[in-house]
PDB file of N, CA and C in Angstrom:
ATOM      1  N   MET A   1      18.243 -26.133 -28.927  1.00  0.00           N
ATOM      2  CA  MET A   1      16.814 -26.602 -28.611  1.00  0.00           C
ATOM      3  C   MET A   1      16.149 -25.765 -27.656  1.00  0.00           C
ATOM      4  N   LYS A   2      14.985 -25.788 -28.169  1.00  0.00           N
ATOM      5  CA  LYS A   2      13.778 -24.880 -27.639  1.00  0.00           C
ATOM      6  C   LYS A   2      13.497 -25.755 -26.454  1.00  0.00           C
ATOM      7  N   ARG A   3      13.113 -25.294 -25.725  1.00  0.00           N
ATOM      8  CA  ARG A   3      12.279 -25.969 -24.315  1.00  0.00           C
ATOM      9  C   ARG A   3      10.812 -25.887 -24.606  1.00  0.00           C
ATOM     10  N   LEU A   4      10.250 -27.002 -24.450  1.00  0.00           N
ATOM     11  CA  LEU A   4       8.772 -26.725 -24.365  1.00  0.00           C
ATOM     12  C   LEU A   4       8.092 -26.188 -23.176  1.00  0.00           C
ATOM     13  N   ASP A   5       8.532 -26.040 -22.212  1.00  0.00           N
ATOM     14  CA  ASP A   5       8.047 -25.486 -21.180  1.00  0.00           C
ATOM     15  C   ASP A   5       8.456 -23.817 -20.927  1.00  0.00           C
ATOM     16  N   ALA A   6       9.211 -23.466 -22.068  1.00  0.00           N
ATOM     17  CA  ALA A   6       9.514 -21.939 -21.943  1.00  0.00           C
ATOM     18  C   ALA A   6       8.726 -21.248 -22.225  1.00  0.00           C
ATOM     19  N   PRO A   7       8.553 -19.865 -21.259  1.00  0.00           N
ATOM     20  CA  PRO A   7       7.345 -19.174 -21.629  1.00  0.00           C
ATOM     21  C   PRO A   7       7.244 -18.420 -23.260  1.00  0.00           C
ATOM     22  N   LEU A   8       6.393 -18.193 -23.400  1.00  0.00           N
ATOM     23  CA  LEU A   8       6.133 -17.447 -24.772  1.00  0.00           C
ATOM     24  C   LEU A   8       6.520 -15.943 -24.540  1.00  0.00           C
ATOM     25  N   PRO A   9       6.740 -15.220 -25.604  1.00  0.00           N
ATOM     26  CA  PRO A   9       7.122 -14.263 -25.567  1.00  0.00           C
ATOM     27  C   PRO A   9       5.743 -13.016 -24.850  1.00  0.00           C
ATOM     28  N   ILE A  10       4.758 -13.244 -25.112  1.00  0.00           N
ATOM     29  CA  ILE A  10       3.403 -12.911 -24.999  1.00  0.00           C
ATOM     30  C   ILE A  10       3.282 -13.152 -23.391  1.00  0.00           C
ATOM     31  N   GLU A  11       3.659 -14.362 -22.843  1.00  0.00           N
ATOM     32  CA  GLU A  11       3.372 -14.642 -21.638  1.00  0.00           C
ATOM     33  C   GLU A  11       4.475 -13.788 -20.926  1.00  0.00           C
ATOM     34  N   ILE A  12       5.709 -13.673 -21.120  1.00  0.00           N
ATOM     35  CA  ILE A  12       6.822 -12.567 -20.687  1.00  0.00           C
ATOM     36  C   ILE A  12       6.207 -11.247 -20.287  1.00  0.00           C
ATOM     37  N   GLU A  13       5.705 -10.852 -21.705  1.00  0.00           N
ATOM     38  CA  GLU A  13       4.966  -9.598 -21.763  1.00  0.00           C
ATOM     39  C   GLU A  13       3.943  -9.340 -20.743  1.00  0.00           C
ATOM     40  N   ILE A  14       3.046 -10.200 -20.415  1.00  0.00           N
ATOM     41  CA  ILE A  14       1.955 -10.496 -19.410  1.00  0.00           C
ATOM     42  C   ILE A  14       2.467 -10.224 -18.053  1.00  0.00           C
ATOM     43  N   ARG A  15       3.715 -11.027 -17.783  1.00  0.00           N
ATOM     44  CA  ARG A  15       4.181 -10.845 -16.209  1.00  0.00           C
ATOM     45  C   ARG A  15       4.735  -9.648 -16.237  1.00  0.00           C
ATOM     46  N   GLY A  16       5.438  -9.134 -17.063  1.00  0.00           N
ATOM     47  CA  GLY A  16       6.037  -7.591 -17.017  1.00  0.00           C
ATOM     48  C   GLY A  16       5.034  -6.630 -16.729  1.00  0.00           C
ATOM     49  N   GLU A  17       3.751  -6.766 -17.396  1.00  0.00           N
ATOM     50  CA  GLU A  17       2.593  -5.958 -17.034  1.00  0.00           C
ATOM     51  C   GLU A  17       2.205  -6.158 -15.701  1.00  0.00           C
ATOM     52  N   LYS A  18       2.078  -7.220 -15.027  1.00  0.00           N
ATOM     53  CA  LYS A  18       1.432  -7.578 -13.592  1.00  0.00           C
ATOM     54  C   LYS A  18       2.522  -6.811 -12.752  1.00  0.00           C
ATOM     55  N   ALA A  19       3.676  -7.058 -13.176  1.00  0.00           N
ATOM     56  CA  ALA A  19       4.768  -6.393 -12.187  1.00  0.00           C
ATOM     57  C   ALA A  19       4.832  -5.044 -12.415  1.00  0.00           C
ATOM     58  N   HIS A  20       4.560  -4.644 -13.516  1.00  0.00           N
ATOM     59  CA  HIS A  20       4.383  -2.621 -13.246  1.00  0.00           C
ATOM     60  C   HIS A  20       3.286  -2.525 -12.839  1.00  0.00           C
ATOM     61  N   ALA A  21       1.919  -2.799 -12.826  1.00  0.00           N
ATOM     62  CA  ALA A  21       0.802  -2.706 -12.267  1.00  0.00           C
ATOM     63  C   ALA A  21       0.648  -3.085 -10.706  1.00  0.00           C
ATOM     64  N   LEU A  22       1.606  -4.045 -10.396  1.00  0.00           N
ATOM     65  CA  LEU A  22       1.984  -4.172  -8.885  1.00  0.00           C
ATOM     66  C   LEU A  22       2.630  -2.782  -8.273  1.00  0.00           C
ATOM     67  N   GLY A  23       3.479  -2.520  -8.917  1.00  0.00           N
ATOM     68  CA  GLY A  23       4.626  -1.304  -8.860  1.00  0.00           C
ATOM     69  C   GLY A  23       3.958  -0.227  -8.498  1.00  0.00           C
ATOM     70  N   ARG A  24       3.019   0.297  -9.869  1.00  0.00           N
ATOM     71  CA  ARG A  24       1.955   1.285  -9.319  1.00  0.00           C
ATOM     72  C   ARG A  24       1.094   1.283  -8.138  1.00  0.00           C
ATOM     73  N   THR A  25       0.576   0.230  -7.937  1.00  0.00           N
ATOM     74  CA  THR A  25      -0.124   0.029  -6.602  1.00  0.00           C
ATOM     75  C   THR A  25       0.655   0.222  -5.543  1.00  0.00           C
ATOM     76  N   ALA A  26       1.531  -0.101  -5.309  1.00  0.00           N
ATOM     77  CA  ALA A  26       2.673  -0.309  -4.460  1.00  0.00           C
ATOM     78  C   ALA A  26       2.770   1.585  -4.472  1.00  0.00           C
ATOM     79  N   ARG A  27       3.335   1.996  -5.289  1.00  0.00           N
ATOM     80  CA  ARG A  27       3.596   3.503  -5.082  1.00  0.00           C
ATOM     81  C   ARG A  27       2.525   4.600  -4.668  1.00  0.00           C
ATOM     82  N   ALA A  28       1.270   3.774  -5.312  1.00  0.00           N
ATOM     83  CA  ALA A  28       0.034   4.958  -4.820  1.00  0.00           C
ATOM     84  C   ALA A  28       0.079   4.463  -3.114  1.00  0.00           C
ATOM     85  N   PHE A  29       0.340   3.450  -2.764  1.00  0.00           N
ATOM     86  CA  PHE A  29      -0.087   3.548  -1.520  1.00  0.00           C
ATOM     87  C   PHE A  29       1.325   4.012  -0.619  1.00  0.00           C
ATOM     88  N   GLU A  30       2.444   3.780  -0.761  1.00  0.00           N
ATOM     89  CA  GLU A  30       3.546   4.561  -0.444  1.00  0.00           C
ATOM     90  C   GLU A  30       3.520   6.056  -0.352  1.00  0.00           C
ATOM     91  N   LYS A  31       2.877   6.794  -1.332  1.00  0.00           N
ATOM     92  CA  LYS A  31       2.411   7.930  -1.214  1.00  0.00           C
ATOM     93  C   LYS A  31       1.654   8.426  -0.146  1.00  0.00           C
ATOM     94  N   GLU A  32       0.519   7.611  -0.248  1.00  0.00           N
ATOM     95  CA  GLU A  32      -0.559   7.844   0.961  1.00  0.00           C
ATOM     96  C   GLU A  32      -0.121   7.519   2.359  1.00  0.00           C
ATOM     97  N   LEU A  33       1.027   6.711   2.564  1.00  0.00           N
ATOM     98  CA  LEU A  33       1.331   6.454   3.786  1.00  0.00           C
ATOM     99  C   LEU A  33       2.204   7.593   4.184  1.00  0.00           C
ATOM    100  N   ASP A  34       3.166   8.072   2.971  1.00  0.00           N
ATOM    101  CA  ASP A  34       4.100   9.029   3.397  1.00  0.00           C
ATOM    102  C   ASP A  34       3.240  10.592   4.034  1.00  0.00           C
ATOM    103  N   ARG A  35       1.883  10.509   3.124  1.00  0.00           N
ATOM    104  CA  ARG A  35       1.227  12.048   3.475  1.00  0.00           C
ATOM    105  C   ARG A  35       0.703  11.650   4.811  1.00  0.00           C
ATOM    106  N   LEU A  36       0.229  10.478   5.052  1.00  0.00           N
ATOM    107  CA  LEU A  36      -0.403  10.302   6.332  1.00  0.00           C
ATOM    108  C   LEU A  36       0.819  10.243   7.521  1.00  0.00           C
ATOM    109  N   LEU A  37       1.893   9.785   7.542  1.00  0.00           N
ATOM    110  CA  LEU A  37       3.083   9.868   8.396  1.00  0.00           C
ATOM    111  C   LEU A  37       3.648  11.353   8.876  1.00  0.00           C
ATOM    112  N   ALA A  38       3.259  12.097   7.854  1.00  0.00           N
ATOM    113  CA  ALA A  38       3.877  13.496   7.740  1.00  0.00           C
ATOM    114  C   ALA A  38       2.925  14.304   8.349  1.00  0.00           C
ATOM    115  N   PHE A  39       1.664  13.970   8.158  1.00  0.00           N
ATOM    116  CA  PHE A  39       0.377  14.422   8.891  1.00  0.00           C
ATOM    117  C   PHE A  39       0.435  14.509  10.485  1.00  0.00           C
ATOM    118  N   GLU A  40       0.637  13.359  10.787  1.00  0.00           N
ATOM    119  CA  GLU A  40       1.013  12.754  12.234  1.00  0.00           C
ATOM    120  C   GLU A  40       2.162  13.362  12.778  1.00  0.00           C
ATOM    121  N   LYS A  41       3.134  13.782  12.211  1.00  0.00           N
ATOM    122  CA  LYS A  41       4.386  14.265  12.681  1.00  0.00           C
ATOM    123  C   LYS A  41       4.003  15.731  12.676  1.00  0.00           C
ATOM    124  N   ARG A  42       3.182  16.321  11.935  1.00  0.00           N
ATOM    125  CA  ARG A  42       2.478  17.654  11.880  1.00  0.00           C
ATOM    126  C   ARG A  42       1.886  17.967  13.162  1.00  0.00           C
ATOM    127  N   LEU A  43       0.813  16.921  13.277  1.00  0.00           N
ATOM    128  CA  LEU A  43      -0.189  17.084  14.462  1.00  0.00           C
ATOM    129  C   LEU A  43       0.531  16.805  15.797  1.00  0.00           C
ATOM    130  N   SER A  44       1.744  15.967  15.924  1.00  0.00           N
ATOM    131  CA  SER A  44       2.481  15.874  17.351  1.00  0.00           C
ATOM    132  C   SER A  44       2.651  17.172  17.816  1.00  0.00           C
ATOM    133  N   GLY A  45       3.067  18.024  16.775  1.00  0.00           N
ATOM    134  CA  GLY A  45       3.594  19.257  17.510  1.00  0.00           C
ATOM    135  C   GLY A  45       2.920  20.536  17.448  1.00  0.00           C
ATOM    136  N   LEU A  46       1.464  20.154  17.498  1.00  0.00           N
ATOM    137  CA  LEU A  46       0.296  21.102  17.418  1.00  0.00           C
ATOM    138  C   LEU A  46      -0.370  20.813  19.018  1.00  0.00           C
ATOM    139  N   PRO A  47      -0.906  22.177  19.366  1.00  0.00           N
ATOM    140  CA  PRO A  47      -1.870  22.034  20.668  1.00  0.00           C
ATOM    141  C   PRO A  47      -2.914  21.314  20.432  1.00  0.00           C
ATOM    142  N   ARG A  48      -3.565  20.819  21.737  1.00  0.00           N
ATOM    143  CA  ARG A  48      -4.829  20.023  21.787  1.00  0.00           C
ATOM    144  C   ARG A  48      -5.575  20.629  20.863  1.00  0.00           C
ATOM    145  N   ALA A  49      -5.953  22.036  20.939  1.00  0.00           N
ATOM    146  CA  ALA A  49      -7.087  22.502  20.642  1.00  0.00           C
ATOM    147  C   ALA A  49      -7.007  22.194  19.040  1.00  0.00           C
ATOM    148  N   GLU A  50      -5.569  22.521  18.420  1.00  0.00           N
ATOM    149  CA  GLU A  50      -5.420  22.491  16.703  1.00  0.00           C
ATOM    150  C   GLU A  50      -5.587  21.159  16.399  1.00  0.00           C
ATOM    151  N   ARG A  51      -5.305  20.201  17.218  1.00  0.00           N
ATOM    152  CA  ARG A  51      -5.447  18.726  16.751  1.00  0.00           C
ATOM    153  C   ARG A  51      -6.650  18.290  16.704  1.00  0.00           C
ATOM    154  N   VAL A  52      -7.841  18.870  17.473  1.00  0.00           N
ATOM    155  CA  VAL A  52      -9.056  18.440  17.498  1.00  0.00           C
ATOM    156  C   VAL A  52      -9.660  19.037  16.097  1.00  0.00           C
ATOM    157  N   LYS A  53      -9.365  20.183  15.964  1.00  0.00           N
ATOM    158  CA  LYS A  53      -9.814  21.018  14.561  1.00  0.00           C
ATOM    159  C   LYS A  53      -9.383  19.947  13.598  1.00  0.00           C
ATOM    160  N   LEU A  54      -8.180  19.467  13.170  1.00  0.00           N
ATOM    161  CA  LEU A  54      -7.630  18.685  12.306  1.00  0.00           C
ATOM    162  C   LEU A  54      -8.114  17.188  12.214  1.00  0.00           C
ATOM    163  N   ALA A  55      -8.839  16.671  13.330  1.00  0.00           N
ATOM    164  CA  ALA A  55      -9.317  15.417  13.396  1.00  0.00           C
ATOM    165  C   ALA A  55     -10.051  14.841  12.343  1.00  0.00           C
ATOM    166  N   PRO A  56     -10.869  15.630  11.840  1.00  0.00           N
ATOM    167  CA  PRO A  56     -11.659  15.060  10.539  1.00  0.00           C
ATOM    168  C   PRO A  56     -10.837  14.775   9.249  1.00  0.00           C
ATOM    169  N   GLU A  57      -9.772  15.817   9.052  1.00  0.00           N
ATOM    170  CA  GLU A  57      -8.870  15.869   7.936  1.00  0.00           C
ATOM    171  C   GLU A  57      -8.130  14.464   8.354  1.00  0.00           C
ATOM    172  N   TYR A  58      -7.302  14.531   9.572  1.00  0.00           N
ATOM    173  CA  TYR A  58      -6.597  13.092   9.716  1.00  0.00           C
ATOM    174  C   TYR A  58      -7.691  11.761   9.933  1.00  0.00           C
ATOM    175  N   GLN A  59      -8.951  12.043  10.018  1.00  0.00           N
ATOM    176  CA  GLN A  59      -9.676  10.382   9.806  1.00  0.00           C
ATOM    177  C   GLN A  59      -9.621   9.902   8.362  1.00  0.00           C
ATOM    178  N   ALA A  60      -9.893  11.173   7.544  1.00  0.00           N
ATOM    179  CA  ALA A  60     -10.026  11.088   6.111  1.00  0.00           C
ATOM    180  C   ALA A  60      -8.815  10.312   5.501  1.00  0.00           C
ATOM    181  N   LEU A  61      -7.656  11.070   5.879  1.00  0.00           N
ATOM    182  CA  LEU A  61      -6.613  10.639   5.366  1.00  0.00           C
ATOM    183  C   LEU A  61      -5.870   9.079   5.833  1.00  0.00           C
ATOM    184  N   ARG A  62      -6.374   8.939   7.385  1.00  0.00           N
ATOM    185  CA  ARG A  62      -6.410   7.456   7.611  1.00  0.00           C
ATOM    186  C   ARG A  62      -7.261   6.318   6.827  1.00  0.00           C
ATOM    187  N   ARG A  63      -8.346   6.760   6.356  1.00  0.00           N
ATOM    188  CA  ARG A  63      -9.069   5.933   5.759  1.00  0.00           C
ATOM    189  C   ARG A  63      -8.749   5.893   4.346  1.00  0.00           C
ATOM    190  N   GLN A  64      -8.305   6.892   3.784  1.00  0.00           N
ATOM    191  CA  GLN A  64      -7.762   6.819   2.610  1.00  0.00           C
ATOM    192  C   GLN A  64      -6.215   5.871   2.338  1.00  0.00           C
ATOM    193  N   THR A  65      -5.669   6.106   3.269  1.00  0.00           N
ATOM    194  CA  THR A  65      -4.280   5.053   3.439  1.00  0.00           C
ATOM    195  C   THR A  65      -4.600   3.725   3.615  1.00  0.00           C
ATOM    196  N   ALA A  66      -5.574   3.452   4.447  1.00  0.00           N
ATOM    197  CA  ALA A  66      -6.235   1.956   4.857  1.00  0.00           C
ATOM    198  C   ALA A  66      -6.570   1.470   3.703  1.00  0.00           C
ATOM    199  N   ARG A  67      -7.336   2.225   2.553  1.00  0.00           N
ATOM    200  CA  ARG A  67      -8.156   1.699   1.247  1.00  0.00           C
ATOM    201  C   ARG A  67      -7.034   1.464   0.488  1.00  0.00           C
ATOM    202  N   ARG A  68      -5.901   2.310   0.403  1.00  0.00           N
ATOM    203  CA  ARG A  68      -4.753   1.944  -0.383  1.00  0.00           C
ATOM    204  C   ARG A  68      -4.232   0.730  -0.380  1.00  0.00           C
ATOM    205  N   LEU A  69      -4.203   0.395   0.935  1.00  0.00           N
ATOM    206  CA  LEU A  69      -3.355  -0.719   1.771  1.00  0.00           C
ATOM    207  C   LEU A  69      -3.945  -1.639   1.306  1.00  0.00           C
ATOM    208  N   TRP A  70      -5.625  -1.525   1.438  1.00  0.00           N
ATOM    209  CA  TRP A  70      -6.570  -2.811   1.008  1.00  0.00           C
ATOM    210  C   TRP A  70      -6.312  -3.123  -0.360  1.00  0.00           C
ATOM    211  N   PHE A  71      -5.994  -2.007  -1.252  1.00  0.00           N
ATOM    212  CA  PHE A  71      -6.201  -2.167  -2.989  1.00  0.00           C
ATOM    213  C   PHE A  71      -4.557  -3.153  -2.918  1.00  0.00           C
ATOM    214  N   LEU A  72      -3.569  -2.726  -2.316  1.00  0.00           N
ATOM    215  CA  LEU A  72      -2.375  -3.510  -2.578  1.00  0.00           C
ATOM    216  C   LEU A  72      -2.369  -4.721  -2.312  1.00  0.00           C
ATOM    217  N   ILE A  73      -2.736  -5.094  -1.140  1.00  0.00           N
ATOM    218  CA  ILE A  73      -3.361  -6.494  -0.378  1.00  0.00           C
ATOM    219  C   ILE A  73      -3.986  -7.317  -1.301  1.00  0.00           C
ATOM    220  N   VAL A  74      -5.303  -6.531  -1.982  1.00  0.00           N
ATOM    221  CA  VAL A  74      -6.119  -7.283  -3.219  1.00  0.00           C
ATOM    222  C   VAL A  74      -5.180  -7.823  -4.205  1.00  0.00           C
ATOM    223  N   HIS A  75      -4.547  -6.460  -4.844  1.00  0.00           N
ATOM    224  CA  HIS A  75      -3.625  -6.596  -5.775  1.00  0.00           C
ATOM    225  C   HIS A  75      -2.671  -7.815  -5.683  1.00  0.00           C
ATOM    226  N   ARG A  76      -1.724  -7.947  -4.784  1.00  0.00           N
ATOM    227  CA  ARG A  76      -0.871  -8.965  -4.320  1.00  0.00           C
ATOM    228  C   ARG A  76      -1.681 -10.406  -4.336  1.00  0.00           C
ATOM    229  N   GLU A  77      -2.773 -10.270  -3.715  1.00  0.00           N
ATOM    230  CA  GLU A  77      -3.284 -11.774  -3.742  1.00  0.00           C
ATOM    231  C   GLU A  77      -3.708 -12.374  -5.069  1.00  0.00           C
ATOM    232  N   ALA A  78      -4.274 -11.324  -5.867  1.00  0.00           N
ATOM    233  CA  ALA A  78      -4.666 -11.709  -7.491  1.00  0.00           C
ATOM    234  C   ALA A  78      -3.630 -12.172  -8.116  1.00  0.00           C
ATOM    235  N   LEU A  79      -2.205 -11.847  -7.672  1.00  0.00           N
ATOM    236  CA  LEU A  79      -1.262 -12.277  -8.296  1.00  0.00           C
ATOM    237  C   LEU A  79      -0.497 -13.720  -7.522  1.00  0.00           C
ATOM    238  N   GLY A  80      -1.396 -14.043  -6.708  1.00  0.00           N
ATOM    239  CA  GLY A  80      -0.648 -15.058  -5.987  1.00  0.00           C
ATOM    240  C   GLY A  80       0.095 -15.202  -4.740  1.00  0.00           C
ATOM    241  N   LEU A  81       0.271 -13.798  -4.396  1.00  0.00           N
ATOM    242  CA  LEU A  81       1.059 -13.282  -2.949  1.00  0.00           C
ATOM    243  C   LEU A  81       0.405 -13.698  -1.888  1.00  0.00           C
ATOM    244  N   GLY A  82       0.103 -14.441  -1.092  1.00  0.00           N
ATOM    245  CA  GLY A  82      -1.136 -14.382  -0.016  1.00  0.00           C
ATOM    246  C   GLY A  82      -0.372 -13.972   1.526  1.00  0.00           C
ATOM    247  N   ARG A  83       0.791 -14.255   1.617  1.00  0.00           N
ATOM    248  CA  ARG A  83       1.402 -13.774   2.773  1.00  0.00           C
ATOM    249  C   ARG A  83       1.989 -12.186   2.728  1.00  0.00           C
ATOM    250  N   HIS A  84       1.509 -11.352   3.703  1.00  0.00           N
ATOM    251  CA  HIS A  84       1.824  -9.820   3.711  1.00  0.00           C
ATOM    252  C   HIS A  84       2.695  -9.444   4.815  1.00  0.00           C
ATOM    253  N   ASP A  85       3.436 -10.818   5.801  1.00  0.00           N
ATOM    254  CA  ASP A  85       3.904 -10.063   6.706  1.00  0.00           C
ATOM    255  C   ASP A  85       5.359  -9.215   6.271  1.00  0.00           C
ATOM    256  N   SER A  86       5.951  -9.635   5.458  1.00  0.00           N
ATOM    257  CA  SER A  86       7.123  -8.631   4.864  1.00  0.00           C
ATOM    258  C   SER A  86       6.493  -7.408   4.316  1.00  0.00           C
ATOM    259  N   LEU A  87       5.492  -7.248   3.942  1.00  0.00           N
ATOM    260  CA  LEU A  87       4.725  -5.959   3.428  1.00  0.00           C
ATOM    261  C   LEU A  87       4.562  -5.144   4.518  1.00  0.00           C
ATOM    262  N   TYR A  88       3.980  -5.666   5.616  1.00  0.00           N
ATOM    263  CA  TYR A  88       4.078  -4.856   6.788  1.00  0.00           C
ATOM    264  C   TYR A  88       5.131  -4.507   7.469  1.00  0.00           C
ATOM    265  N   GLU A  89       6.146  -5.385   7.555  1.00  0.00           N
ATOM    266  CA  GLU A  89       7.403  -5.049   7.956  1.00  0.00           C
ATOM    267  C   GLU A  89       8.474  -4.021   7.188  1.00  0.00           C
ATOM    268  N   VAL A  90       8.265  -4.186   5.938  1.00  0.00           N
ATOM    269  CA  VAL A  90       9.045  -3.547   4.931  1.00  0.00           C
ATOM    270  C   VAL A  90       8.402  -1.990   5.076  1.00  0.00           C
ATOM    271  N   TYR A  91       7.210  -1.669   4.993  1.00  0.00           N
ATOM    272  CA  TYR A  91       6.614  -0.345   4.988  1.00  0.00           C
ATOM    273  C   TYR A  91       6.313   0.087   6.647  1.00  0.00           C
ATOM    274  N   ARG A  92       6.733  -0.546   7.444  1.00  0.00           N
ATOM    275  CA  ARG A  92       6.085  -0.359   8.809  1.00  0.00           C
ATOM    276  C   ARG A  92       5.010   0.206   9.083  1.00  0.00           C
ATOM    277  N   ILE A  93       4.076  -0.505   8.449  1.00  0.00           N
ATOM    278  CA  ILE A  93       2.680  -0.152   8.402  1.00  0.00           C
ATOM    279  C   ILE A  93       1.924  -0.142   9.866  1.00  0.00           C
ATOM    280  N   PRO A  94       1.371   0.958  10.450  1.00  0.00           N
ATOM    281  CA  PRO A  94       0.993   0.923  11.644  1.00  0.00           C
ATOM    282  C   PRO A  94      -0.612   0.021  12.352  1.00  0.00           C
ATOM    283  N   ARG A  95      -0.486  -0.631  13.081  1.00  0.00           N
ATOM    284  CA  ARG A  95      -1.430  -1.887  13.188  1.00  0.00           C
ATOM    285  C   ARG A  95      -2.499  -1.267  13.148  1.00  0.00           C
ATOM    286  N   SER A  96      -3.047  -0.192  13.175  1.00  0.00           N
ATOM    287  CA  SER A  96      -4.502   0.435  13.038  1.00  0.00           C
ATOM    288  C   SER A  96      -4.893   0.359  11.678  1.00  0.00           C
ATOM    289  N   LEU A  97      -3.776   0.325  10.780  1.00  0.00           N
ATOM    290  CA  LEU A  97      -4.219   0.279   9.146  1.00  0.00           C
ATOM    291  C   LEU A  97      -4.341  -0.941   8.668  1.00  0.00           C
ATOM    292  N   LEU A  98      -3.863  -2.121   9.448  1.00  0.00           N
ATOM    293  CA  LEU A  98      -4.116  -3.537   8.738  1.00  0.00           C
ATOM    294  C   LEU A  98      -5.478  -3.643   9.031  1.00  0.00           C
ATOM    295  N   PRO A  99      -5.882  -4.529   7.811  1.00  0.00           N
ATOM    296  CA  PRO A  99      -7.425  -4.788   7.825  1.00  0.00           C
ATOM    297  C   PRO A  99      -7.992  -5.642   8.627  1.00  0.00           C
ATOM    298  N   ASN A 100      -7.268  -6.264   9.310  1.00  0.00           N
ATOM    299  CA  ASN A 100      -7.989  -7.186  10.649  1.00  0.00           C
ATOM    300  C   ASN A 100      -6.810  -7.528  11.493  1.00  0.00           C
ATOM    301  N   PRO A 101      -6.576  -6.036  12.150  1.00  0.00           N
ATOM    302  CA  PRO A 101      -5.425  -6.073  13.212  1.00  0.00           C
ATOM    303  C   PRO A 101      -5.544  -6.683  14.803  1.00  0.00           C
TER     304      PRO A 101
END
């Protein structure tokens, strides 16, 4: 006997597409975060004068990473995921990147 509340095949497909889209958004953020962390590691080994020269590039990368994080948060919220504490913990996101630290 078929359940009346069982999802239709199209609903299952839509849920799958939503999950894939969220995964793409998360991977884009991961990539930016990895770039930022690698850049920070590189900066930490440089003399102060070199760090000062690279400051504009670093700030641009931080802004881009924060923007990708915002995209991920908005995407999650659009899917009904309103709590992001676990997201911050899993990715070990620096507090300076949080929307309202």
